[in-house]
Amino acid sequence: MAIVATCLLSLLVCCGLAWWQWDRFTSANGTFQNLGYVLQWPLFGLFPAFMFWRIRKLRQKAEAGATETPERQEAEPAVPAPRPRPDVAEANTDEDEELAAYNRYLRELNARDQQAAE
């Protein structure tokens, strides 16, 4: 009941603010920005009701998913299995000479850092 009251209260307040912006728009100082607010405030007022509806639908969907049979849950894993890693030797055949030289240089630097750390 509190959620419904909150949704209705927000709708009433936001419609009141839209009416206020309409009065500002029709006054001598009114701008099109006020007209934009006239259109936005009712949407802001409907947002809590939309969120309540959306949360309710998601909860029903989650409850329906929890009541599935265990065989069905095992058949469809939530996370796909990782793809096999390509063979390292196969990857080295595609390297060009410049990349191979750079990788050797990086290995040498790493070895120097390891020796300096010891």
C-alpha atoms as a PDB file:
ATOM      1  CA  MET A   1       0.000   0.000   0.000  1.00  0.00           C
ATOM      2  CA  ALA A   2       2.868   2.371   0.784  1.00  0.00           C
ATOM      3  CA  ILE A   3       4.318   1.876  -2.691  1.00  0.00           C
ATOM      4  CA  VAL A   4       0.997   2.664  -4.363  1.00  0.00           C
ATOM      5  CA  ALA A   5       0.594   5.759  -2.179  1.00  0.00           C
ATOM      6  CA  THR A   6       4.117   6.878  -3.062  1.00  0.00           C
ATOM      7  CA  CYS A   7       3.425   6.388  -6.777  1.00  0.00           C
ATOM      8  CA  LEU A   8       0.191   8.391  -6.586  1.00  0.00           C
ATOM      9  CA  LEU A   9       1.797  11.135  -4.532  1.00  0.00           C
ATOM     10  CA  SER A  10       4.686  11.477  -6.968  1.00  0.00           C
ATOM     11  CA  LEU A  11       2.259  11.635  -9.889  1.00  0.00           C
ATOM     12  CA  LEU A  12       0.196  14.348  -8.195  1.00  0.00           C
ATOM     13  CA  VAL A  13       3.234  16.416  -7.237  1.00  0.00           C
ATOM     14  CA  CYS A  14       4.744  16.148 -10.706  1.00  0.00           C
ATOM     15  CA  CYS A  15       1.463  17.030 -12.410  1.00  0.00           C
ATOM     16  CA  GLY A  16       1.275  20.082 -10.134  1.00  0.00           C
ATOM     17  CA  LEU A  17       4.786  21.044 -11.196  1.00  0.00           C
ATOM     18  CA  ALA A  18       3.802  20.559 -14.847  1.00  0.00           C
ATOM     19  CA  TRP A  19       0.839  22.895 -14.317  1.00  0.00           C
ATOM     20  CA  TRP A  20       3.168  25.452 -12.708  1.00  0.00           C
ATOM     21  CA  GLN A  21       5.539  25.224 -15.699  1.00  0.00           C
ATOM     22  CA  TRP A  22       2.556  25.650 -18.052  1.00  0.00           C
ATOM     23  CA  ASP A  23       1.631  28.861 -16.228  1.00  0.00           C
ATOM     24  CA  ARG A  24       5.244  30.020 -16.566  1.00  0.00           C
ATOM     25  CA  PHE A  25       5.223  29.173 -20.301  1.00  0.00           C
ATOM     26  CA  THR A  26       2.027  31.132 -20.972  1.00  0.00           C
ATOM     27  CA  SER A  27       3.277  34.164 -19.015  1.00  0.00           C
ATOM     28  CA  ALA A  28       5.209  37.015 -20.597  1.00  0.00           C
ATOM     29  CA  ASN A  29       8.525  35.600 -19.351  1.00  0.00           C
ATOM     30  CA  GLY A  30       7.823  32.041 -20.533  1.00  0.00           C
ATOM     31  CA  THR A  31      10.244  30.184 -22.778  1.00  0.00           C
ATOM     32  CA  PHE A  32      10.210  26.918 -24.666  1.00  0.00           C
ATOM     33  CA  GLN A  33      12.283  25.460 -21.854  1.00  0.00           C
ATOM     34  CA  ASN A  34       9.194  25.793 -19.655  1.00  0.00           C
ATOM     35  CA  LEU A  35       7.191  23.940 -22.295  1.00  0.00           C
ATOM     36  CA  GLY A  36       9.771  21.166 -22.228  1.00  0.00           C
ATOM     37  CA  TYR A  37       9.345  20.876 -18.473  1.00  0.00           C
ATOM     38  CA  VAL A  38       5.576  20.691 -18.964  1.00  0.00           C
ATOM     39  CA  LEU A  39       6.146  17.534 -20.986  1.00  0.00           C
ATOM     40  CA  GLN A  40       8.827  16.101 -18.664  1.00  0.00           C
ATOM     41  CA  TRP A  41       7.157  16.423 -15.273  1.00  0.00           C
ATOM     42  CA  PRO A  42       4.342  13.915 -15.944  1.00  0.00           C
ATOM     43  CA  LEU A  43       6.962  11.405 -17.122  1.00  0.00           C
ATOM     44  CA  PHE A  44       8.900  11.930 -13.894  1.00  0.00           C
ATOM     45  CA  GLY A  45       5.663  11.351 -11.976  1.00  0.00           C
ATOM     46  CA  LEU A  46       5.009   8.065 -13.787  1.00  0.00           C
ATOM     47  CA  PHE A  47       8.552   6.765 -13.276  1.00  0.00           C
ATOM     48  CA  PRO A  48       8.022   5.316  -9.742  1.00  0.00           C
ATOM     49  CA  ALA A  49       4.967   3.390 -10.974  1.00  0.00           C
ATOM     50  CA  PHE A  50       6.972   2.075 -13.930  1.00  0.00           C
ATOM     51  CA  MET A  51       9.802   0.971 -11.636  1.00  0.00           C
ATOM     52  CA  PHE A  52       7.356  -0.791  -9.319  1.00  0.00           C
ATOM     53  CA  TRP A  53       5.867  -2.631 -12.330  1.00  0.00           C
ATOM     54  CA  ARG A  54       9.315  -3.508 -13.699  1.00  0.00           C
ATOM     55  CA  ILE A  55      10.640  -4.843 -10.381  1.00  0.00           C
ATOM     56  CA  ARG A  56       7.498  -6.935  -9.987  1.00  0.00           C
ATOM     57  CA  LYS A  57       7.919  -8.444 -13.468  1.00  0.00           C
ATOM     58  CA  LEU A  58      11.609  -9.209 -12.846  1.00  0.00           C
ATOM     59  CA  ARG A  59      10.773 -10.863  -9.522  1.00  0.00           C
ATOM     60  CA  GLN A  60       8.101 -13.029 -11.186  1.00  0.00           C
ATOM     61  CA  LYS A  61      10.571 -14.009 -13.898  1.00  0.00           C
ATOM     62  CA  ALA A  62      13.218 -14.904 -11.297  1.00  0.00           C
ATOM     63  CA  GLU A  63      10.732 -16.999  -9.336  1.00  0.00           C
ATOM     64  CA  ALA A  64       9.675 -18.806 -12.505  1.00  0.00           C
ATOM     65  CA  GLY A  65      13.334 -19.534 -13.306  1.00  0.00           C
ATOM     66  CA  ALA A  66      13.951 -20.891  -9.791  1.00  0.00           C
ATOM     67  CA  THR A  67      11.125 -23.426 -10.125  1.00  0.00           C
ATOM     68  CA  GLU A  68      12.604 -25.045 -13.248  1.00  0.00           C
ATOM     69  CA  THR A  69      13.652 -28.661 -13.029  1.00  0.00           C
ATOM     70  CA  PRO A  70      17.295 -29.299 -12.072  1.00  0.00           C
ATOM     71  CA  GLU A  71      17.927 -31.164 -15.352  1.00  0.00           C
ATOM     72  CA  ARG A  72      17.003 -28.064 -17.341  1.00  0.00           C
ATOM     73  CA  GLN A  73      19.213 -25.821 -15.218  1.00  0.00           C
ATOM     74  CA  GLU A  74      22.212 -28.126 -15.758  1.00  0.00           C
ATOM     75  CA  ALA A  75      21.580 -28.337 -19.501  1.00  0.00           C
ATOM     76  CA  GLU A  76      21.891 -24.555 -19.943  1.00  0.00           C
ATOM     77  CA  PRO A  77      24.973 -23.231 -18.123  1.00  0.00           C
ATOM     78  CA  ALA A  78      24.817 -19.580 -17.121  1.00  0.00           C
ATOM     79  CA  VAL A  79      28.385 -18.935 -18.277  1.00  0.00           C
ATOM     80  CA  PRO A  80      29.612 -20.471 -21.534  1.00  0.00           C
ATOM     81  CA  ALA A  81      32.635 -22.719 -21.387  1.00  0.00           C
ATOM     82  CA  PRO A  82      35.920 -21.037 -22.305  1.00  0.00           C
ATOM     83  CA  ARG A  83      37.249 -21.591 -25.783  1.00  0.00           C
ATOM     84  CA  PRO A  84      40.416 -23.645 -26.097  1.00  0.00           C
ATOM     85  CA  ARG A  85      43.597 -21.618 -26.229  1.00  0.00           C
ATOM     86  CA  PRO A  86      45.461 -21.755 -29.527  1.00  0.00           C
ATOM     87  CA  ASP A  87      48.669 -23.717 -29.462  1.00  0.00           C
ATOM     88  CA  VAL A  88      51.687 -21.562 -28.586  1.00  0.00           C
ATOM     89  CA  ALA A  89      53.858 -23.163 -31.257  1.00  0.00           C
ATOM     90  CA  GLU A  90      51.198 -22.410 -33.846  1.00  0.00           C
ATOM     91  CA  ALA A  91      51.144 -18.751 -32.835  1.00  0.00           C
ATOM     92  CA  ASN A  92      54.942 -18.431 -33.235  1.00  0.00           C
ATOM     93  CA  THR A  93      54.817 -19.482 -36.896  1.00  0.00           C
ATOM     94  CA  ASP A  94      52.788 -16.396 -37.767  1.00  0.00           C
ATOM     95  CA  GLU A  95      55.251 -13.959 -36.141  1.00  0.00           C
ATOM     96  CA  ASP A  96      57.360 -11.719 -38.298  1.00  0.00           C
ATOM     97  CA  GLU A  97      61.044 -11.157 -37.582  1.00  0.00           C
ATOM     98  CA  GLU A  98      60.592  -7.716 -36.048  1.00  0.00           C
ATOM     99  CA  LEU A  99      57.990  -8.971 -33.569  1.00  0.00           C
ATOM    100  CA  ALA A 100      60.166 -11.967 -32.676  1.00  0.00           C
ATOM    101  CA  ALA A 101      63.142  -9.657 -32.017  1.00  0.00           C
ATOM    102  CA  TYR A 102      60.993  -7.417 -29.839  1.00  0.00           C
ATOM    103  CA  ASN A 103      59.738 -10.393 -27.828  1.00  0.00           C
ATOM    104  CA  ARG A 104      63.329 -11.599 -27.303  1.00  0.00           C
ATOM    105  CA  TYR A 105      64.268  -8.125 -26.090  1.00  0.00           C
ATOM    106  CA  LEU A 106      61.364  -8.132 -23.620  1.00  0.00           C
ATOM    107  CA  ARG A 107      62.427 -11.573 -22.331  1.00  0.00           C
ATOM    108  CA  GLU A 108      65.954 -10.277 -21.775  1.00  0.00           C
ATOM    109  CA  LEU A 109      64.675  -7.241 -19.890  1.00  0.00           C
ATOM    110  CA  ASN A 110      62.465  -9.441 -17.744  1.00  0.00           C
ATOM    111  CA  ALA A 111      65.401 -11.741 -16.957  1.00  0.00           C
ATOM    112  CA  ARG A 112      67.533  -8.730 -15.944  1.00  0.00           C
ATOM    113  CA  ASP A 113      64.757  -7.458 -13.672  1.00  0.00           C
ATOM    114  CA  GLN A 114      64.422 -10.894 -12.074  1.00  0.00           C
ATOM    115  CA  GLN A 115      68.188 -11.067 -11.423  1.00  0.00           C
ATOM    116  CA  ALA A 116      68.230  -7.548  -9.958  1.00  0.00           C
ATOM    117  CA  ALA A 117      65.323  -8.402  -7.653  1.00  0.00           C
ATOM    118  CA  GLU A 118      67.195 -11.433  -6.241  1.00  0.00           C
END
